[in-house]
Amino acid sequence: MPTDADRKLAARLLCVGFTGNVVDDSLREMLSAGVGGVILFARNATTHAGAAELVRAIKRESASLASPTIFASIDHEGGRVVRLVEGMTVVPPMRDVGSLGGSGPQEAARMGGIFARELRAANFDVDFAPVVDVDSNAANPVIGARSFSSDPKVVSQCAVAFIQAMQAGGVAACAKHFPGHGDTDLDSHLDLPRLSHALDRLRATEIPPFIAAARAGVASIMTAHVVFEAVDPGVPATMSRKVIEGILRGEIGFEGVVFSDDLEMGAIADRMGIGEAAVRAIDAGVDCLLVCHRIDRQREAVDALSQAITTGRLPRARAMQAAARIEKLISIYAR
């Protein structure tokens, strides 16, 4: 049976979502368990003032439970992917920024500065932006205008400017979705995309913006629920040691936090239990797991991870390494 220490270590590897606009019993349970972070959506708040008060209440509740410091996060990109509307600057999709030619990076930096100022004032520590996928498939149902460009160089230049400006303003950035979701014709919220591109193509098109982001000091990178057949046949990148430890850590040298995309998305949840997905992702090199909706799945993830740590299926050193990276991010950005 897992020890209390193993359960706390397991919980620390989660970033959880919840329903409603108050700290409810489900969220309180996860805070008490010791999760690493929380994520807010439009279902929790749509105004700057409402989000600021809710995040303040969450952090206050976590402190009252004598839980470790948490980070508060949001998926706020501009364009159609925004959670807060009232009290926020209206920001166009990043495609509009990337289309500005030589002034694109300057505008991207301005956008990053706006995001930092407004999200920091609402007590957020992490923003899951920018998208650094290359918009190379017009039939892509999920990326499209969220990307800066179909040109990897433009994506890289704009992403670096955005990241540096937002992080200079005190909000951790997250480059997503590694190693590239731009050329898929399926939405990973609903199904599991598969790409058969040769590794040379990935290194020429999809991966350069992530290299640029890593070199610019991006605090975190998010994985894609996409199978890259040339790298690890049949295995989603979120669960691929070859993708995460091999390419992202080994080749690129990234040492920040690796987030999974939401494990409750159809690409993963329709194919395996959340507990199994959680263990496989952490074992592959992910540091923090997004489980954005259901408390039963959040419990399942904690149970499975703690059991795997206790039995040795998930090396304790790997779990501790992941937790240490989360703690470092919290120490720099959490307020």
Protein backbone atom coordinates (compact mmCIF):
# COMPACT_ATOMS: atom_id res chain seq x y z
CA MET A 1 0.00 0.00 0.00
CA PRO A 2 1.36 3.45 -0.91
CA THR A 3 2.71 5.53 1.94
CA ASP A 4 1.52 9.06 2.64
CA ALA A 5 4.81 10.30 1.21
CA ASP A 6 4.25 8.42 -2.03
CA ARG A 7 0.71 9.79 -2.34
CA LYS A 8 1.92 13.34 -1.77
CA LEU A 9 4.66 12.88 -4.33
CA ALA A 10 2.13 11.49 -6.82
CA ALA A 11 -0.35 14.31 -6.26
CA ARG A 12 2.35 16.92 -6.72
CA LEU A 13 2.66 15.82 -10.36
CA LEU A 14 -0.89 16.95 -11.21
CA CYS A 15 -2.40 20.22 -12.37
CA VAL A 16 -6.16 19.95 -11.95
CA GLY A 17 -9.26 21.69 -13.19
CA PHE A 18 -12.61 21.95 -11.44
CA THR A 19 -16.21 23.04 -11.99
CA GLY A 20 -17.75 26.25 -10.75
CA ASN A 21 -16.59 29.62 -9.49
CA VAL A 22 -15.80 28.77 -5.87
CA VAL A 23 -13.44 26.41 -4.08
CA ASP A 24 -15.67 23.33 -3.89
CA ASP A 25 -15.15 20.04 -2.05
CA SER A 26 -13.54 18.35 -5.05
CA LEU A 27 -10.95 21.06 -5.49
CA ARG A 28 -10.38 21.23 -1.74
CA GLU A 29 -9.69 17.47 -1.78
CA MET A 30 -7.06 17.87 -4.48
CA LEU A 31 -5.47 20.86 -2.75
CA SER A 32 -5.31 18.85 0.46
CA ALA A 33 -3.71 15.97 -1.44
CA GLY A 34 -0.94 18.35 -2.50
CA VAL A 35 -1.36 18.90 -6.24
CA GLY A 36 1.20 21.04 -7.99
CA GLY A 37 -1.21 23.39 -9.68
CA VAL A 38 -4.70 24.35 -10.76
CA ILE A 39 -6.02 25.45 -14.14
CA LEU A 40 -8.97 27.77 -14.75
CA PHE A 41 -11.32 27.79 -17.73
CA ALA A 42 -14.24 29.97 -18.81
CA ARG A 43 -16.48 27.71 -16.73
CA ASN A 44 -14.69 29.09 -13.65
CA ALA A 45 -14.42 32.78 -14.56
CA THR A 46 -14.85 35.01 -17.59
CA THR A 47 -13.88 38.34 -16.06
CA HIS A 48 -10.51 39.59 -14.91
CA ALA A 49 -11.89 40.60 -11.52
CA GLY A 50 -13.67 37.28 -11.03
CA ALA A 51 -10.57 35.28 -11.92
CA ALA A 52 -8.37 37.37 -9.65
CA GLU A 53 -10.64 36.77 -6.68
CA LEU A 54 -11.07 33.05 -7.40
CA VAL A 55 -7.33 32.42 -7.79
CA ARG A 56 -6.71 34.39 -4.60
CA ALA A 57 -9.27 32.19 -2.81
CA ILE A 58 -7.69 29.01 -4.16
CA LYS A 59 -4.22 30.00 -3.01
CA ARG A 60 -5.57 31.07 0.36
CA GLU A 61 -7.38 27.74 0.77
CA SER A 62 -4.27 25.79 -0.20
CA ALA A 63 -2.24 27.69 2.41
CA SER A 64 -4.89 27.05 5.07
CA LEU A 65 -4.58 23.32 4.40
CA ALA A 66 -0.82 23.55 5.02
CA SER A 67 -0.31 22.25 1.48
CA PRO A 68 2.80 23.10 -0.53
CA THR A 69 2.67 26.26 -2.63
CA ILE A 70 0.75 25.76 -5.85
CA PHE A 71 0.83 27.50 -9.23
CA ALA A 72 -2.30 28.88 -10.89
CA SER A 73 -2.53 28.46 -14.66
CA ILE A 74 -4.77 29.33 -17.58
CA ASP A 75 -4.98 28.50 -21.29
CA HIS A 76 -5.08 32.04 -22.68
CA GLU A 77 -3.65 32.43 -26.20
CA GLY A 78 -5.51 35.27 -27.90
CA GLY A 79 -7.88 34.91 -30.82
CA ARG A 80 -10.54 32.27 -30.19
CA VAL A 81 -8.68 30.62 -27.32
CA VAL A 82 -9.31 33.01 -24.44
CA ARG A 83 -10.95 32.25 -21.10
CA LEU A 84 -11.26 35.75 -19.68
CA VAL A 85 -13.10 38.41 -21.66
CA GLU A 86 -14.28 41.30 -19.51
CA GLY A 87 -11.43 43.44 -18.21
CA MET A 88 -8.90 41.99 -20.67
CA THR A 89 -7.32 43.45 -23.79
CA VAL A 90 -8.76 41.93 -26.96
CA VAL A 91 -5.86 40.12 -28.64
CA PRO A 92 -6.04 38.81 -32.21
CA PRO A 93 -5.08 35.26 -33.20
CA MET A 94 -1.33 34.78 -33.42
CA ARG A 95 -1.57 34.24 -37.17
CA ASP A 96 -2.33 37.97 -37.45
CA VAL A 97 0.82 38.73 -35.46
CA GLY A 98 2.99 36.45 -37.57
CA SER A 99 1.66 37.96 -40.80
CA LEU A 100 3.15 41.37 -39.99
CA GLY A 101 6.49 40.50 -41.56
CA GLY A 102 9.52 42.16 -39.99
CA SER A 103 7.41 43.78 -37.27
CA GLY A 104 5.88 40.47 -36.21
CA PRO A 105 8.34 39.76 -33.40
CA GLN A 106 7.90 43.29 -32.04
CA GLU A 107 4.14 42.83 -31.99
CA ALA A 108 4.53 39.37 -30.44
CA ALA A 109 6.60 40.93 -27.66
CA ARG A 110 3.89 43.54 -27.12
CA MET A 111 1.28 40.79 -26.87
CA GLY A 112 3.43 38.84 -24.42
CA GLY A 113 3.79 41.95 -22.29
CA ILE A 114 0.04 42.51 -22.26
CA PHE A 115 -0.61 38.91 -21.28
CA ALA A 116 1.94 39.11 -18.47
CA ARG A 117 0.57 42.35 -17.05
CA GLU A 118 -3.06 41.28 -17.11
CA LEU A 119 -2.63 37.65 -16.05
CA ARG A 120 -0.16 38.53 -13.29
CA ALA A 121 -2.66 41.06 -11.96
CA ALA A 122 -5.23 38.24 -11.87
CA ASN A 123 -2.82 36.11 -9.77
CA PHE A 124 -1.92 33.64 -12.53
CA ASP A 125 1.58 32.18 -12.56
CA VAL A 126 1.56 30.09 -15.76
CA ASP A 127 -0.05 30.66 -19.14
CA PHE A 128 -0.21 27.74 -21.56
CA ALA A 129 0.93 29.88 -24.48
CA PRO A 130 2.29 30.42 -27.03
CA VAL A 131 1.36 27.84 -29.65
CA VAL A 132 4.60 27.19 -31.54
CA ASP A 133 3.15 24.59 -33.89
CA VAL A 134 3.84 25.36 -37.56
CA ASP A 135 0.59 25.86 -39.49
CA SER A 136 1.52 23.54 -42.36
CA ASN A 137 -1.85 21.86 -43.02
CA ALA A 138 -4.83 23.91 -44.13
CA ALA A 139 -7.13 21.04 -43.12
CA ASN A 140 -5.96 21.12 -39.49
CA PRO A 141 -9.11 21.43 -37.37
CA VAL A 142 -7.46 22.51 -34.12
CA ILE A 143 -4.34 24.67 -34.76
CA GLY A 144 -4.80 26.95 -37.77
CA ALA A 145 -4.86 30.61 -36.77
CA ARG A 146 -3.52 29.77 -33.31
CA SER A 147 -0.11 29.38 -34.99
CA PHE A 148 2.08 32.37 -35.86
CA SER A 149 2.82 31.08 -39.36
CA SER A 150 3.39 28.26 -41.82
CA ASP A 151 7.08 29.29 -41.84
CA PRO A 152 9.13 27.75 -39.00
CA LYS A 153 11.43 30.80 -38.93
CA VAL A 154 8.55 33.21 -38.41
CA VAL A 155 7.08 30.96 -35.72
CA SER A 156 10.45 30.78 -33.99
CA GLN A 157 11.09 34.55 -34.08
CA CYS A 158 7.62 35.50 -32.87
CA ALA A 159 7.54 32.78 -30.22
CA VAL A 160 10.87 33.87 -28.73
CA ALA A 161 9.75 37.49 -28.54
CA PHE A 162 6.43 36.54 -26.95
CA ILE A 163 8.02 34.15 -24.42
CA GLN A 164 10.72 36.55 -23.31
CA ALA A 165 8.27 39.41 -22.85
CA MET A 166 5.71 37.37 -20.94
CA GLN A 167 8.29 35.80 -18.65
CA ALA A 168 9.95 39.16 -18.04
CA GLY A 169 6.54 40.23 -16.76
CA GLY A 170 6.45 37.40 -14.26
CA VAL A 171 4.25 34.79 -15.98
CA ALA A 172 5.73 31.45 -17.06
CA ALA A 173 5.20 30.61 -20.73
CA CYS A 174 4.55 27.17 -22.20
CA ALA A 175 5.52 26.35 -25.78
CA LYS A 176 3.11 23.82 -27.25
CA HIS A 177 2.50 21.13 -28.58
CA PHE A 178 5.78 19.19 -28.79
CA PRO A 179 7.00 17.93 -31.19
CA GLY A 180 4.37 19.57 -33.41
CA HIS A 181 0.59 19.46 -33.92
CA GLY A 182 0.45 21.75 -36.95
CA ASP A 183 0.23 19.17 -39.74
CA THR A 184 -2.48 16.93 -38.33
CA ASP A 185 -5.95 16.60 -39.85
CA LEU A 186 -7.54 15.30 -36.64
CA ASP A 187 -8.35 17.12 -33.41
CA SER A 188 -6.66 15.37 -30.48
CA HIS A 189 -9.51 16.48 -28.24
CA LEU A 190 -11.55 13.91 -30.16
CA ASP A 191 -9.18 11.38 -31.72
CA LEU A 192 -5.52 10.34 -31.88
CA PRO A 193 -3.69 11.93 -34.83
CA ARG A 194 -0.83 10.05 -36.46
CA LEU A 195 1.94 11.56 -38.58
CA SER A 196 4.25 9.54 -40.79
CA HIS A 197 6.76 12.29 -41.57
CA ALA A 198 10.41 11.25 -41.66
CA LEU A 199 12.56 12.51 -38.81
CA ASP A 200 14.41 14.83 -41.20
CA ARG A 201 11.13 16.59 -42.01
CA LEU A 202 10.30 16.97 -38.29
CA ARG A 203 13.73 18.45 -37.64
CA ALA A 204 13.35 20.87 -40.54
CA THR A 205 9.78 22.03 -39.92
CA GLU A 206 8.11 21.05 -36.66
CA ILE A 207 10.98 21.04 -34.16
CA PRO A 208 12.91 24.33 -34.85
CA PRO A 209 10.43 26.56 -32.97
CA PHE A 210 10.80 24.37 -29.90
CA ILE A 211 14.57 24.61 -30.14
CA ALA A 212 14.25 28.39 -30.33
CA ALA A 213 11.87 28.45 -27.36
CA ALA A 214 14.18 26.28 -25.28
CA ARG A 215 17.18 28.46 -26.08
CA ALA A 216 15.12 31.52 -25.12
CA GLY A 217 14.61 30.05 -21.67
CA VAL A 218 10.95 29.07 -21.93
CA ALA A 219 9.80 27.80 -18.53
CA SER A 220 7.76 24.89 -19.86
CA ILE A 221 6.82 22.89 -22.93
CA MET A 222 3.60 20.92 -23.49
CA THR A 223 3.47 17.58 -25.27
CA ALA A 224 1.14 16.66 -28.13
CA HIS A 225 -1.24 13.71 -28.07
CA VAL A 226 0.03 12.79 -31.52
CA VAL A 227 1.80 9.64 -32.73
CA PHE A 228 4.99 10.32 -34.68
CA GLU A 229 5.54 7.04 -36.47
CA ALA A 230 9.12 7.80 -37.50
CA VAL A 231 10.13 8.36 -33.88
CA ASP A 232 8.06 5.91 -31.82
CA PRO A 233 5.51 3.89 -33.83
CA GLY A 234 2.09 3.65 -32.21
CA VAL A 235 3.01 5.67 -29.11
CA PRO A 236 1.56 9.17 -28.48
CA ALA A 237 4.29 11.74 -27.90
CA THR A 238 2.93 12.34 -24.38
CA MET A 239 3.88 8.76 -23.51
CA SER A 240 7.02 8.40 -25.60
CA ARG A 241 10.39 8.32 -23.89
CA LYS A 242 11.97 8.56 -27.35
CA VAL A 243 10.20 11.85 -27.97
CA ILE A 244 10.59 13.42 -24.53
CA GLU A 245 13.85 12.06 -23.14
CA GLY A 246 15.36 11.36 -26.54
CA ILE A 247 14.58 14.49 -28.55
CA LEU A 248 13.34 17.16 -26.13
CA ARG A 249 15.77 16.47 -23.29
CA GLY A 250 18.62 14.73 -25.10
CA GLU A 251 18.87 16.52 -28.44
CA ILE A 252 17.39 19.92 -27.59
CA GLY A 253 18.65 20.02 -24.02
CA PHE A 254 15.45 21.39 -22.48
CA GLU A 255 15.53 21.27 -18.67
CA GLY A 256 12.30 23.05 -17.75
CA VAL A 257 8.91 21.57 -16.89
CA VAL A 258 7.26 19.27 -19.41
CA PHE A 259 3.47 19.42 -19.19
CA SER A 260 1.16 16.89 -20.74
CA ASP A 261 -1.80 18.14 -22.68
CA ASP A 262 -5.04 17.28 -20.87
CA LEU A 263 -5.15 13.53 -20.27
CA GLU A 264 -8.94 13.65 -20.48
CA MET A 265 -8.84 14.48 -24.19
CA GLY A 266 -10.28 11.82 -26.46
CA ALA A 267 -6.87 10.96 -27.97
CA ILE A 268 -5.91 9.43 -24.62
CA ALA A 269 -9.03 8.91 -22.48
CA ASP A 270 -10.84 6.94 -25.20
CA ARG A 271 -7.96 4.46 -25.37
CA MET A 272 -6.90 3.80 -21.79
CA GLY A 273 -7.67 4.63 -18.19
CA ILE A 274 -6.37 7.90 -16.80
CA GLY A 275 -4.33 6.06 -14.20
CA GLU A 276 -2.45 4.04 -16.81
CA ALA A 277 -1.98 7.16 -18.94
CA ALA A 278 -0.60 9.08 -15.95
CA VAL A 279 1.98 6.42 -15.11
CA ARG A 280 3.10 6.01 -18.70
CA ALA A 281 3.43 9.78 -19.24
CA ILE A 282 5.50 10.43 -16.12
CA ASP A 283 7.66 7.39 -16.84
CA ALA A 284 8.27 8.75 -20.35
CA GLY A 285 9.53 12.08 -19.01
CA VAL A 286 6.48 14.31 -18.50
CA ASP A 287 6.74 16.27 -15.24
CA CYS A 288 3.22 17.62 -14.69
CA LEU A 289 -0.05 16.08 -15.84
CA LEU A 290 -3.08 18.12 -16.79
CA VAL A 291 -6.31 16.44 -15.63
CA CYS A 292 -8.75 19.24 -16.27
CA HIS A 293 -12.26 18.03 -15.53
CA ARG A 294 -13.33 15.10 -13.39
CA ILE A 295 -12.44 14.47 -9.76
CA ASP A 296 -12.78 10.69 -10.20
CA ARG A 297 -10.10 10.78 -12.88
CA GLN A 298 -7.89 13.00 -10.75
CA ARG A 299 -8.19 10.50 -7.90
CA GLU A 300 -7.45 7.68 -10.32
CA ALA A 301 -4.27 9.40 -11.47
CA VAL A 302 -3.04 9.95 -7.91
CA ASP A 303 -3.88 6.36 -6.95
CA ALA A 304 -2.14 4.88 -9.98
CA LEU A 305 0.95 7.05 -9.66
CA SER A 306 1.37 6.41 -5.95
CA GLN A 307 0.92 2.67 -6.46
CA ALA A 308 3.46 2.68 -9.31
CA ILE A 309 5.97 4.58 -7.17
CA THR A 310 5.51 2.15 -4.28
CA THR A 311 5.87 -0.96 -6.44
CA GLY A 312 8.77 0.45 -8.42
CA ARG A 313 7.00 0.37 -11.77
CA LEU A 314 7.55 4.14 -11.81
CA PRO A 315 11.06 4.81 -10.51
CA ARG A 316 10.91 7.04 -7.45
CA ALA A 317 13.86 9.00 -8.81
CA ARG A 318 11.87 9.88 -11.94
CA ALA A 319 8.89 11.07 -9.88
CA MET A 320 11.18 13.12 -7.63
CA GLN A 321 12.92 14.64 -10.64
CA ALA A 322 9.54 15.70 -12.04
CA ALA A 323 8.47 17.18 -8.71
CA ALA A 324 11.76 19.06 -8.40
CA ARG A 325 11.20 20.72 -11.78
CA ILE A 326 7.70 21.76 -10.71
CA GLU A 327 9.07 23.18 -7.45
CA LYS A 328 11.64 25.20 -9.37
CA LEU A 329 8.95 26.71 -11.60
CA ILE A 330 6.86 27.52 -8.53
CA SER A 331 9.83 29.12 -6.77
CA ILE A 332 10.39 31.47 -9.72
CA TYR A 333 6.85 32.36 -10.75
CA ALA A 334 4.27 31.55 -8.06
CA ARG A 335 3.09 34.52 -5.97
